[in-house]
């Protein structure tokens, strides 16, 4: 059997990275002291774009994005990532990004969040409160009236509430 493709189309113009390539990118980014939050490959023809979203505990600077871009670019050239031209973009996931995984919730301790749940708590599937903890697959949430230990697998979507 021939070589495995580096990406495949999943919907419209979005493509997923080959898991092996994504793992190489993730390892490189972690070695540099960052976390890969998301990787998206989209576009067609000469307009393809590989977008990498990185984060670290005290936030991401432009210099951080430049460092990761330079290092990942070298890696992708060595891996012969794409046979056609593409543009590499590296950025922070932004303040209003969805929370994904225990580490994001740990990083957001003390912040107010809105959680959409698969199983209702007190008849509600949308709950807001302050994150008190995130460990052992559970998020500790203080709603101001009650505290809850919510299993991560019951959280459909979580977002930090931006307060002005």
Protein backbone atom coordinates (compact mmCIF):
# COMPACT_ATOMS: atom_id res chain seq x y z
CA UNK A 1 0.00 0.00 0.00
CA UNK A 2 1.21 3.55 -0.78
CA UNK A 3 2.00 6.38 1.56
CA UNK A 4 -0.78 7.61 3.83
CA UNK A 5 -2.20 11.04 2.88
CA UNK A 6 -1.24 13.94 5.11
CA UNK A 7 -4.80 15.27 5.32
CA UNK A 8 -8.32 14.50 4.18
CA UNK A 9 -11.46 16.54 3.62
CA UNK A 10 -14.06 16.34 6.40
CA UNK A 11 -16.47 19.13 5.46
CA UNK A 12 -16.57 22.06 3.07
CA UNK A 13 -13.00 23.31 2.77
CA UNK A 14 -11.71 22.14 6.19
CA UNK A 15 -9.20 19.34 6.33
CA UNK A 16 -7.77 17.32 9.19
CA UNK A 17 -4.08 16.80 9.58
CA UNK A 18 -2.69 13.32 9.43
CA UNK A 19 -2.45 12.25 13.10
CA UNK A 20 1.27 11.47 12.72
CA UNK A 21 2.04 14.97 11.39
CA UNK A 22 -0.15 16.55 14.06
CA UNK A 23 1.73 14.59 16.72
CA UNK A 24 5.09 15.84 15.36
CA UNK A 25 3.79 19.42 15.42
CA UNK A 26 2.40 18.98 18.93
CA UNK A 27 5.69 17.51 20.20
CA UNK A 28 7.67 20.40 18.70
CA UNK A 29 5.33 22.97 20.22
CA UNK A 30 5.41 21.28 23.65
CA UNK A 31 9.23 21.13 23.47
CA UNK A 32 9.18 24.92 22.98
CA UNK A 33 7.04 25.32 26.13
CA UNK A 34 3.61 25.78 24.58
CA UNK A 35 0.42 23.81 24.19
CA UNK A 36 -1.22 23.18 20.81
CA UNK A 37 -4.86 24.11 21.34
CA UNK A 38 -6.06 23.55 17.81
CA UNK A 39 -4.78 22.94 14.28
CA UNK A 40 -6.85 23.65 11.18
CA UNK A 41 -5.95 23.20 7.53
CA UNK A 42 -8.32 24.86 5.10
CA UNK A 43 -8.61 26.45 1.69
CA UNK A 44 -8.04 25.22 -1.82
CA UNK A 45 -5.38 25.52 -4.47
CA UNK A 46 -2.79 28.19 -3.72
CA UNK A 47 -4.95 29.57 -0.89
CA UNK A 48 -4.41 26.77 1.64
CA UNK A 49 -3.77 27.86 5.22
CA UNK A 50 -2.50 25.84 8.18
CA UNK A 51 -3.60 27.63 11.35
CA UNK A 52 -2.05 26.64 14.67
CA UNK A 53 -3.44 27.98 17.93
CA UNK A 54 -0.99 27.89 20.83
CA UNK A 55 -1.17 28.78 24.50
CA UNK A 56 0.86 28.77 27.67
CA UNK A 57 0.07 29.53 31.29
CA UNK A 58 0.95 33.24 31.22
CA UNK A 59 -0.38 33.93 27.71
CA UNK A 60 1.13 34.15 24.25
CA UNK A 61 3.07 37.06 22.74
CA UNK A 62 3.79 37.94 19.13
CA UNK A 63 7.39 36.82 19.70
CA UNK A 64 6.07 33.44 20.88
CA UNK A 65 4.02 33.08 17.69
CA UNK A 66 7.05 33.99 15.59
CA UNK A 67 9.23 31.42 17.38
CA UNK A 68 6.68 28.63 16.96
CA UNK A 69 6.05 29.59 13.32
CA UNK A 70 9.77 29.44 12.47
CA UNK A 71 10.32 26.12 14.25
CA UNK A 72 7.18 24.42 12.90
CA UNK A 73 7.93 25.69 9.39
CA UNK A 74 11.29 23.90 9.47
CA UNK A 75 9.61 20.74 10.77
CA UNK A 76 6.94 20.81 8.05
CA UNK A 77 9.57 21.28 5.36
CA UNK A 78 11.46 18.25 6.68
CA UNK A 79 8.24 16.21 6.84
CA UNK A 80 7.34 17.21 3.26
CA UNK A 81 3.97 18.29 4.62
CA UNK A 82 2.27 19.53 1.46
CA UNK A 83 2.94 19.13 -2.23
CA UNK A 84 1.22 22.44 -2.95
CA UNK A 85 1.77 25.95 -1.53
CA UNK A 86 0.19 26.85 1.80
CA UNK A 87 0.49 29.60 4.39
CA UNK A 88 1.33 28.87 8.05
CA UNK A 89 -0.37 31.06 10.66
CA UNK A 90 0.32 30.79 14.39
CA UNK A 91 -1.72 32.66 16.97
CA UNK A 92 -3.25 32.62 20.41
CA UNK A 93 -6.66 30.95 20.59
CA UNK A 94 -8.11 34.21 21.94
CA UNK A 95 -9.79 35.10 25.18
CA UNK A 96 -13.26 33.91 24.09
CA UNK A 97 -12.24 30.47 22.87
CA UNK A 98 -14.08 27.38 24.10
CA UNK A 99 -12.46 25.61 27.03
CA UNK A 100 -11.26 22.13 26.07
CA UNK A 101 -10.00 19.61 28.54
CA UNK A 102 -8.96 19.64 32.16
CA UNK A 103 -5.87 21.80 31.58
CA UNK A 104 -7.95 24.68 30.17
CA UNK A 105 -10.23 24.54 33.21
CA UNK A 106 -7.23 24.44 35.56
CA UNK A 107 -5.81 27.52 33.85
CA UNK A 108 -9.16 29.25 34.28
CA UNK A 109 -9.47 28.77 38.05
CA UNK A 110 -11.00 31.82 39.67
CA UNK A 111 -12.69 32.93 36.46
CA UNK A 112 -16.39 33.01 35.74
CA UNK A 113 -17.56 30.57 33.06
CA UNK A 114 -20.71 29.44 31.31
CA UNK A 115 -21.07 25.70 30.86
CA UNK A 116 -23.48 23.85 28.58
CA UNK A 117 -24.13 20.41 30.02
CA UNK A 118 -25.36 17.12 28.61
CA UNK A 119 -27.06 16.31 31.94
CA UNK A 120 -29.08 18.90 33.84
CA UNK A 121 -28.14 20.16 37.29
CA UNK A 122 -31.22 21.32 39.23
CA UNK A 123 -33.16 21.22 35.96
CA UNK A 124 -30.65 23.40 34.08
CA UNK A 125 -28.34 22.44 31.23
CA UNK A 126 -26.75 25.90 31.12
CA UNK A 127 -24.96 26.88 34.30
CA UNK A 128 -22.64 29.74 35.20
CA UNK A 129 -20.21 30.17 38.05
CA UNK A 130 -16.61 30.50 39.13
CA UNK A 131 -14.19 27.65 38.56
CA UNK A 132 -12.79 26.52 41.92
CA UNK A 133 -10.90 23.43 40.74
CA UNK A 134 -10.26 21.09 37.83
CA UNK A 135 -8.86 17.68 38.66
CA UNK A 136 -9.55 13.98 38.33
CA UNK A 137 -11.89 14.55 35.39
CA UNK A 138 -14.14 17.00 37.27
CA UNK A 139 -14.61 20.76 37.29
CA UNK A 140 -15.45 22.37 40.63
CA UNK A 141 -17.92 25.20 39.99
CA UNK A 142 -19.28 27.71 42.52
CA UNK A 143 -22.54 29.24 41.28
CA UNK A 144 -22.78 31.60 44.23
CA UNK A 145 -25.57 29.47 45.71
CA UNK A 146 -24.08 25.98 45.42
CA UNK A 147 -20.87 24.21 44.56
CA UNK A 148 -20.83 21.41 41.99
CA UNK A 149 -18.27 18.83 40.89
CA UNK A 150 -19.13 18.42 37.22
CA UNK A 151 -17.63 15.51 35.25
CA UNK A 152 -15.77 16.77 32.17
CA UNK A 153 -17.65 14.29 29.98
CA UNK A 154 -20.91 16.09 30.92
CA UNK A 155 -19.62 19.43 29.63
CA UNK A 156 -20.64 19.97 26.02
CA UNK A 157 -19.19 23.46 25.81
CA UNK A 158 -17.45 25.81 28.24
CA UNK A 159 -16.53 29.46 27.78
CA UNK A 160 -15.08 32.13 29.99
CA UNK A 161 -17.52 34.94 30.56
CA UNK A 162 -15.82 38.16 29.60
CA UNK A 163 -16.58 40.91 32.10
CA UNK A 164 -16.02 44.57 31.37
